[in-house]
PDB file of N, CA and C in Angstrom:
ATOM      1  N   MET A   1     -13.546  -1.690  -1.749  1.00  0.00           N
ATOM      2  CA  MET A   1     -12.147  -2.288  -2.421  1.00  0.00           C
ATOM      3  C   MET A   1     -11.421  -2.284  -3.547  1.00  0.00           C
ATOM      4  N   LEU A   2     -10.179  -1.341  -3.495  1.00  0.00           N
ATOM      5  CA  LEU A   2      -9.778  -1.386  -4.477  1.00  0.00           C
ATOM      6  C   LEU A   2      -8.180  -2.600  -5.142  1.00  0.00           C
ATOM      7  N   GLN A   3      -8.514  -3.350  -6.188  1.00  0.00           N
ATOM      8  CA  GLN A   3      -7.454  -4.137  -6.682  1.00  0.00           C
ATOM      9  C   GLN A   3      -6.265  -3.140  -7.257  1.00  0.00           C
ATOM     10  N   TYR A   4      -5.109  -3.195  -6.765  1.00  0.00           N
ATOM     11  CA  TYR A   4      -3.685  -2.715  -7.437  1.00  0.00           C
ATOM     12  C   TYR A   4      -2.721  -3.755  -7.371  1.00  0.00           C
ATOM     13  N   PRO A   5      -1.610  -3.042  -8.339  1.00  0.00           N
ATOM     14  CA  PRO A   5      -0.114  -3.568  -7.896  1.00  0.00           C
ATOM     15  C   PRO A   5       0.171  -2.739  -7.098  1.00  0.00           C
ATOM     16  N   VAL A   6       1.248  -3.554  -6.345  1.00  0.00           N
ATOM     17  CA  VAL A   6       2.139  -2.551  -5.110  1.00  0.00           C
ATOM     18  C   VAL A   6       3.799  -3.078  -5.472  1.00  0.00           C
ATOM     19  N   GLY A   7       4.481  -1.866  -6.088  1.00  0.00           N
ATOM     20  CA  GLY A   7       6.000  -2.188  -6.211  1.00  0.00           C
ATOM     21  C   GLY A   7       6.059  -2.991  -8.057  1.00  0.00           C
ATOM     22  N   GLY A   8       4.956  -3.080  -8.067  1.00  0.00           N
ATOM     23  CA  GLY A   8       4.795  -3.791  -9.772  1.00  0.00           C
ATOM     24  C   GLY A   8       4.802  -5.511  -9.505  1.00  0.00           C
ATOM     25  N   MET A   9       5.268  -6.054  -8.232  1.00  0.00           N
ATOM     26  CA  MET A   9       5.138  -7.260  -8.105  1.00  0.00           C
ATOM     27  C   MET A   9       4.134  -7.842  -7.064  1.00  0.00           C
ATOM     28  N   ILE A  10       3.534  -7.081  -6.126  1.00  0.00           N
ATOM     29  CA  ILE A  10       3.169  -7.644  -4.852  1.00  0.00           C
ATOM     30  C   ILE A  10       1.549  -7.183  -5.384  1.00  0.00           C
ATOM     31  N   HIS A  11       0.370  -8.214  -5.477  1.00  0.00           N
ATOM     32  CA  HIS A  11      -0.802  -7.536  -5.371  1.00  0.00           C
ATOM     33  C   HIS A  11      -1.295  -7.042  -4.066  1.00  0.00           C
ATOM     34  N   GLY A  12      -2.196  -6.399  -3.900  1.00  0.00           N
ATOM     35  CA  GLY A  12      -3.270  -5.798  -3.049  1.00  0.00           C
ATOM     36  C   GLY A  12      -4.683  -5.585  -2.633  1.00  0.00           C
ATOM     37  N   THR A  13      -5.405  -5.522  -1.787  1.00  0.00           N
ATOM     38  CA  THR A  13      -6.198  -4.767  -1.529  1.00  0.00           C
ATOM     39  C   THR A  13      -6.700  -3.940  -0.529  1.00  0.00           C
ATOM     40  N   ILE A  14      -6.299  -2.548  -0.956  1.00  0.00           N
ATOM     41  CA  ILE A  14      -6.590  -1.466   0.173  1.00  0.00           C
ATOM     42  C   ILE A  14      -8.261  -1.962   0.548  1.00  0.00           C
ATOM     43  N   THR A  15      -7.933  -2.283   2.343  1.00  0.00           N
ATOM     44  CA  THR A  15      -9.297  -2.330   3.122  1.00  0.00           C
ATOM     45  C   THR A  15      -9.213  -1.075   3.918  1.00  0.00           C
ATOM     46  N   ARG A  16      -8.667  -0.104   3.873  1.00  0.00           N
ATOM     47  CA  ARG A  16      -9.413   1.223   4.991  1.00  0.00           C
ATOM     48  C   ARG A  16      -8.005   2.531   4.804  1.00  0.00           C
ATOM     49  N   VAL A  17      -8.926   3.394   4.359  1.00  0.00           N
ATOM     50  CA  VAL A  17      -8.148   4.747   4.404  1.00  0.00           C
ATOM     51  C   VAL A  17      -8.674   5.160   5.202  1.00  0.00           C
ATOM     52  N   ALA A  18      -7.722   6.350   6.064  1.00  0.00           N
ATOM     53  CA  ALA A  18      -8.038   7.429   6.920  1.00  0.00           C
ATOM     54  C   ALA A  18      -6.972   8.524   6.784  1.00  0.00           C
ATOM     55  N   GLY A  19      -7.611   9.723   5.863  1.00  0.00           N
ATOM     56  CA  GLY A  19      -6.879  10.282   5.554  1.00  0.00           C
ATOM     57  C   GLY A  19      -5.192   9.943   4.634  1.00  0.00           C
ATOM     58  N   PRO A  20      -4.177  10.140   5.074  1.00  0.00           N
ATOM     59  CA  PRO A  20      -3.037   9.805   4.095  1.00  0.00           C
ATOM     60  C   PRO A  20      -2.773   8.498   5.249  1.00  0.00           C
ATOM     61  N   VAL A  21      -3.370   7.690   5.696  1.00  0.00           N
ATOM     62  CA  VAL A  21      -3.422   6.518   6.381  1.00  0.00           C
ATOM     63  C   VAL A  21      -4.248   5.445   5.305  1.00  0.00           C
ATOM     64  N   VAL A  22      -3.099   4.230   5.020  1.00  0.00           N
ATOM     65  CA  VAL A  22      -3.730   3.206   3.862  1.00  0.00           C
ATOM     66  C   VAL A  22      -3.417   1.800   4.967  1.00  0.00           C
ATOM     67  N   ASP A  23      -4.823   0.797   4.979  1.00  0.00           N
ATOM     68  CA  ASP A  23      -4.532  -0.100   5.313  1.00  0.00           C
ATOM     69  C   ASP A  23      -4.331  -1.312   3.938  1.00  0.00           C
ATOM     70  N   VAL A  24      -3.489  -2.122   3.782  1.00  0.00           N
ATOM     71  CA  VAL A  24      -3.377  -3.108   2.572  1.00  0.00           C
ATOM     72  C   VAL A  24      -3.511  -4.294   3.120  1.00  0.00           C
ATOM     73  N   GLN A  25      -3.892  -5.234   2.258  1.00  0.00           N
ATOM     74  CA  GLN A  25      -4.370  -6.627   2.671  1.00  0.00           C
ATOM     75  C   GLN A  25      -3.328  -7.402   1.273  1.00  0.00           C
ATOM     76  N   LEU A  26      -2.090  -8.139   1.820  1.00  0.00           N
ATOM     77  CA  LEU A  26      -1.462  -8.401   0.529  1.00  0.00           C
ATOM     78  C   LEU A  26      -2.080  -9.834   0.350  1.00  0.00           C
ATOM     79  N   THR A  27      -1.934 -10.419  -1.446  1.00  0.00           N
ATOM     80  CA  THR A  27      -2.680 -11.859  -1.432  1.00  0.00           C
ATOM     81  C   THR A  27      -1.459 -12.703  -1.965  1.00  0.00           C
ATOM     82  N   ALA A  28      -0.136 -12.318  -1.854  1.00  0.00           N
ATOM     83  CA  ALA A  28       1.050 -13.077  -2.375  1.00  0.00           C
ATOM     84  C   ALA A  28       2.363 -12.700  -1.653  1.00  0.00           C
ATOM     85  N   GLY A  29       3.129 -13.010  -1.499  1.00  0.00           N
ATOM     86  CA  GLY A  29       4.577 -13.205  -0.935  1.00  0.00           C
ATOM     87  C   GLY A  29       4.494 -12.401   0.304  1.00  0.00           C
ATOM     88  N   LYS A  30       6.031 -12.055   0.584  1.00  0.00           N
ATOM     89  CA  LYS A  30       6.049 -11.425   2.117  1.00  0.00           C
ATOM     90  C   LYS A  30       5.885 -10.090   1.921  1.00  0.00           C
ATOM     91  N   LEU A  31       5.621  -9.817   3.143  1.00  0.00           N
ATOM     92  CA  LEU A  31       5.790  -7.771   3.360  1.00  0.00           C
ATOM     93  C   LEU A  31       6.461  -7.728   3.240  1.00  0.00           C
ATOM     94  N   PRO A  32       6.313  -5.968   2.706  1.00  0.00           N
ATOM     95  CA  PRO A  32       7.476  -5.610   2.420  1.00  0.00           C
ATOM     96  C   PRO A  32       8.394  -4.957   3.765  1.00  0.00           C
ATOM     97  N   ALA A  33       9.433  -4.395   3.610  1.00  0.00           N
ATOM     98  CA  ALA A  33      10.078  -3.911   4.659  1.00  0.00           C
ATOM     99  C   ALA A  33       9.549  -2.576   5.215  1.00  0.00           C
ATOM    100  N   MET A  34       9.918  -2.542   6.400  1.00  0.00           N
ATOM    101  CA  MET A  34       9.090  -0.947   7.182  1.00  0.00           C
ATOM    102  C   MET A  34      10.214  -0.267   6.689  1.00  0.00           C
ATOM    103  N   GLN A  35       9.411   0.588   6.224  1.00  0.00           N
ATOM    104  CA  GLN A  35       9.948   2.336   5.371  1.00  0.00           C
ATOM    105  C   GLN A  35       9.725   2.221   4.458  1.00  0.00           C
ATOM    106  N   GLU A  36       9.957   1.025   3.725  1.00  0.00           N
ATOM    107  CA  GLU A  36       9.903   0.628   2.272  1.00  0.00           C
ATOM    108  C   GLU A  36       8.625   1.576   1.746  1.00  0.00           C
ATOM    109  N   ALA A  37       9.222   2.329   0.805  1.00  0.00           N
ATOM    110  CA  ALA A  37       8.293   3.214  -0.124  1.00  0.00           C
ATOM    111  C   ALA A  37       7.722   2.751  -1.310  1.00  0.00           C
ATOM    112  N   PRO A  38       6.935   1.480  -1.405  1.00  0.00           N
ATOM    113  CA  PRO A  38       7.079   1.120  -3.311  1.00  0.00           C
ATOM    114  C   PRO A  38       5.355   1.789  -3.842  1.00  0.00           C
ATOM    115  N   THR A  39       5.692   2.169  -5.068  1.00  0.00           N
ATOM    116  CA  THR A  39       4.234   3.010  -5.600  1.00  0.00           C
ATOM    117  C   THR A  39       3.472   2.054  -5.418  1.00  0.00           C
ATOM    118  N   VAL A  40       2.160   3.108  -5.811  1.00  0.00           N
ATOM    119  CA  VAL A  40       0.792   2.512  -6.224  1.00  0.00           C
ATOM    120  C   VAL A  40       0.315   3.054  -7.422  1.00  0.00           C
ATOM    121  N   THR A  41       0.161   2.417  -8.337  1.00  0.00           N
ATOM    122  CA  THR A  41      -0.427   3.248  -9.426  1.00  0.00           C
ATOM    123  C   THR A  41      -1.982   3.175  -9.575  1.00  0.00           C
ATOM    124  N   ALA A  42      -2.345   4.460  -9.516  1.00  0.00           N
ATOM    125  CA  ALA A  42      -4.012   4.499  -9.265  1.00  0.00           C
ATOM    126  C   ALA A  42      -3.855   5.737 -10.487  1.00  0.00           C
ATOM    127  N   GLU A  43      -5.109   5.371 -11.273  1.00  0.00           N
ATOM    128  CA  GLU A  43      -5.789   6.824 -12.347  1.00  0.00           C
ATOM    129  C   GLU A  43      -4.223   7.154 -13.340  1.00  0.00           C
ATOM    130  N   GLY A  44      -3.409   6.409 -12.840  1.00  0.00           N
ATOM    131  CA  GLY A  44      -2.698   6.229 -14.104  1.00  0.00           C
ATOM    132  C   GLY A  44      -1.480   7.512 -13.784  1.00  0.00           C
ATOM    133  N   THR A  45      -1.398   7.528 -12.132  1.00  0.00           N
ATOM    134  CA  THR A  45       0.015   8.170 -11.458  1.00  0.00           C
ATOM    135  C   THR A  45       0.961   7.423 -10.574  1.00  0.00           C
ATOM    136  N   GLU A  46       1.444   7.487 -10.621  1.00  0.00           N
ATOM    137  CA  GLU A  46       2.244   6.509  -9.466  1.00  0.00           C
ATOM    138  C   GLU A  46       2.526   7.571  -8.091  1.00  0.00           C
ATOM    139  N   ARG A  47       2.135   6.842  -7.054  1.00  0.00           N
ATOM    140  CA  ARG A  47       2.101   7.574  -5.856  1.00  0.00           C
ATOM    141  C   ARG A  47       3.351   6.791  -4.972  1.00  0.00           C
ATOM    142  N   PRO A  48       4.276   7.057  -3.699  1.00  0.00           N
ATOM    143  CA  PRO A  48       4.926   6.303  -2.781  1.00  0.00           C
ATOM    144  C   PRO A  48       3.850   6.281  -1.388  1.00  0.00           C
ATOM    145  N   MET A  49       3.868   5.163  -1.481  1.00  0.00           N
ATOM    146  CA  MET A  49       3.021   5.045  -0.214  1.00  0.00           C
ATOM    147  C   MET A  49       4.177   4.014   0.975  1.00  0.00           C
ATOM    148  N   GLU A  50       4.745   4.975   2.151  1.00  0.00           N
ATOM    149  CA  GLU A  50       5.691   4.117   2.627  1.00  0.00           C
ATOM    150  C   GLU A  50       5.061   3.533   3.984  1.00  0.00           C
ATOM    151  N   VAL A  51       5.384   2.105   3.932  1.00  0.00           N
ATOM    152  CA  VAL A  51       5.140   1.025   4.705  1.00  0.00           C
ATOM    153  C   VAL A  51       5.122   1.267   6.381  1.00  0.00           C
ATOM    154  N   THR A  52       4.459   1.656   7.545  1.00  0.00           N
ATOM    155  CA  THR A  52       5.007   2.309   8.685  1.00  0.00           C
ATOM    156  C   THR A  52       4.326   1.118   9.694  1.00  0.00           C
ATOM    157  N   GLN A  53       3.546   0.092   9.643  1.00  0.00           N
ATOM    158  CA  GLN A  53       3.810  -1.272  10.271  1.00  0.00           C
ATOM    159  C   GLN A  53       2.991  -2.204   9.501  1.00  0.00           C
ATOM    160  N   HIS A  54       3.667  -3.368  10.321  1.00  0.00           N
ATOM    161  CA  HIS A  54       2.657  -4.513  10.134  1.00  0.00           C
ATOM    162  C   HIS A  54       1.493  -4.956  10.449  1.00  0.00           C
ATOM    163  N   VAL A  55       0.392  -4.898  10.220  1.00  0.00           N
ATOM    164  CA  VAL A  55      -0.587  -4.712  10.900  1.00  0.00           C
ATOM    165  C   VAL A  55      -0.939  -6.187  11.225  1.00  0.00           C
ATOM    166  N   HIS A  56      -0.856  -7.532  10.570  1.00  0.00           N
ATOM    167  CA  HIS A  56      -1.398  -8.836  10.284  1.00  0.00           C
ATOM    168  C   HIS A  56      -0.105  -9.565   9.450  1.00  0.00           C
ATOM    169  N   GLU A  57       0.093 -10.835   9.676  1.00  0.00           N
ATOM    170  CA  GLU A  57       0.624 -11.489   8.573  1.00  0.00           C
ATOM    171  C   GLU A  57       0.416 -11.475   7.259  1.00  0.00           C
ATOM    172  N   THR A  58      -0.487 -10.660   6.768  1.00  0.00           N
ATOM    173  CA  THR A  58      -1.030 -10.592   5.315  1.00  0.00           C
ATOM    174  C   THR A  58      -1.545  -8.650   5.122  1.00  0.00           C
ATOM    175  N   THR A  59      -1.129  -7.929   6.256  1.00  0.00           N
ATOM    176  CA  THR A  59      -1.969  -6.761   6.392  1.00  0.00           C
ATOM    177  C   THR A  59      -0.595  -5.798   6.366  1.00  0.00           C
ATOM    178  N   VAL A  60      -0.248  -4.886   5.983  1.00  0.00           N
ATOM    179  CA  VAL A  60       0.496  -3.316   6.168  1.00  0.00           C
ATOM    180  C   VAL A  60      -0.113  -2.187   6.182  1.00  0.00           C
ATOM    181  N   ARG A  61      -0.059  -1.244   6.987  1.00  0.00           N
ATOM    182  CA  ARG A  61      -0.021   0.035   6.995  1.00  0.00           C
ATOM    183  C   ARG A  61       0.593   1.074   6.452  1.00  0.00           C
ATOM    184  N   ARG A  62       0.487   2.047   5.562  1.00  0.00           N
ATOM    185  CA  ARG A  62       1.005   2.614   5.007  1.00  0.00           C
ATOM    186  C   ARG A  62       0.811   4.126   4.910  1.00  0.00           C
ATOM    187  N   ILE A  63       1.545   4.978   5.105  1.00  0.00           N
ATOM    188  CA  ILE A  63       1.314   6.607   4.817  1.00  0.00           C
ATOM    189  C   ILE A  63       1.293   7.303   3.605  1.00  0.00           C
ATOM    190  N   MET A  64       0.470   7.571   2.700  1.00  0.00           N
ATOM    191  CA  MET A  64       0.499   8.114   1.170  1.00  0.00           C
ATOM    192  C   MET A  64       1.696   9.303   1.552  1.00  0.00           C
ATOM    193  N   LEU A  65       2.622   9.367   0.701  1.00  0.00           N
ATOM    194  CA  LEU A  65       3.253  10.096   0.576  1.00  0.00           C
ATOM    195  C   LEU A  65       3.342  12.101  -0.468  1.00  0.00           C
ATOM    196  N   SER A  66       2.191  11.585  -1.172  1.00  0.00           N
ATOM    197  CA  SER A  66       1.850  12.559  -1.711  1.00  0.00           C
ATOM    198  C   SER A  66       0.443  12.725  -1.991  1.00  0.00           C
ATOM    199  N   ALA A  67       0.053  13.656  -2.616  1.00  0.00           N
ATOM    200  CA  ALA A  67      -1.472  13.828  -2.577  1.00  0.00           C
ATOM    201  C   ALA A  67      -2.239  13.199  -3.317  1.00  0.00           C
ATOM    202  N   SER A  68      -3.185  12.464  -2.828  1.00  0.00           N
ATOM    203  CA  SER A  68      -4.443  11.447  -3.691  1.00  0.00           C
ATOM    204  C   SER A  68      -4.986  11.728  -4.403  1.00  0.00           C
ATOM    205  N   HIS A  69      -5.453  13.567  -4.434  1.00  0.00           N
ATOM    206  CA  HIS A  69      -6.985  13.776  -4.776  1.00  0.00           C
ATOM    207  C   HIS A  69      -7.397  13.042  -5.619  1.00  0.00           C
TER     208      HIS A  69
END
């Protein structure tokens, strides 16, 4: 699991990765809106990840909109 800031305001943990699909369990605050594309900073690079589904009251499913290599 990886801790990272979501949009600089909400923190979460990546719980599942399947290709470009990423599930994120949020630790605080309300879930981001559907189709919102906050950025995730990983290895010094910001990457947008669009919210596609509210999986649970604390978990969202996102699609990576750029290469994650």
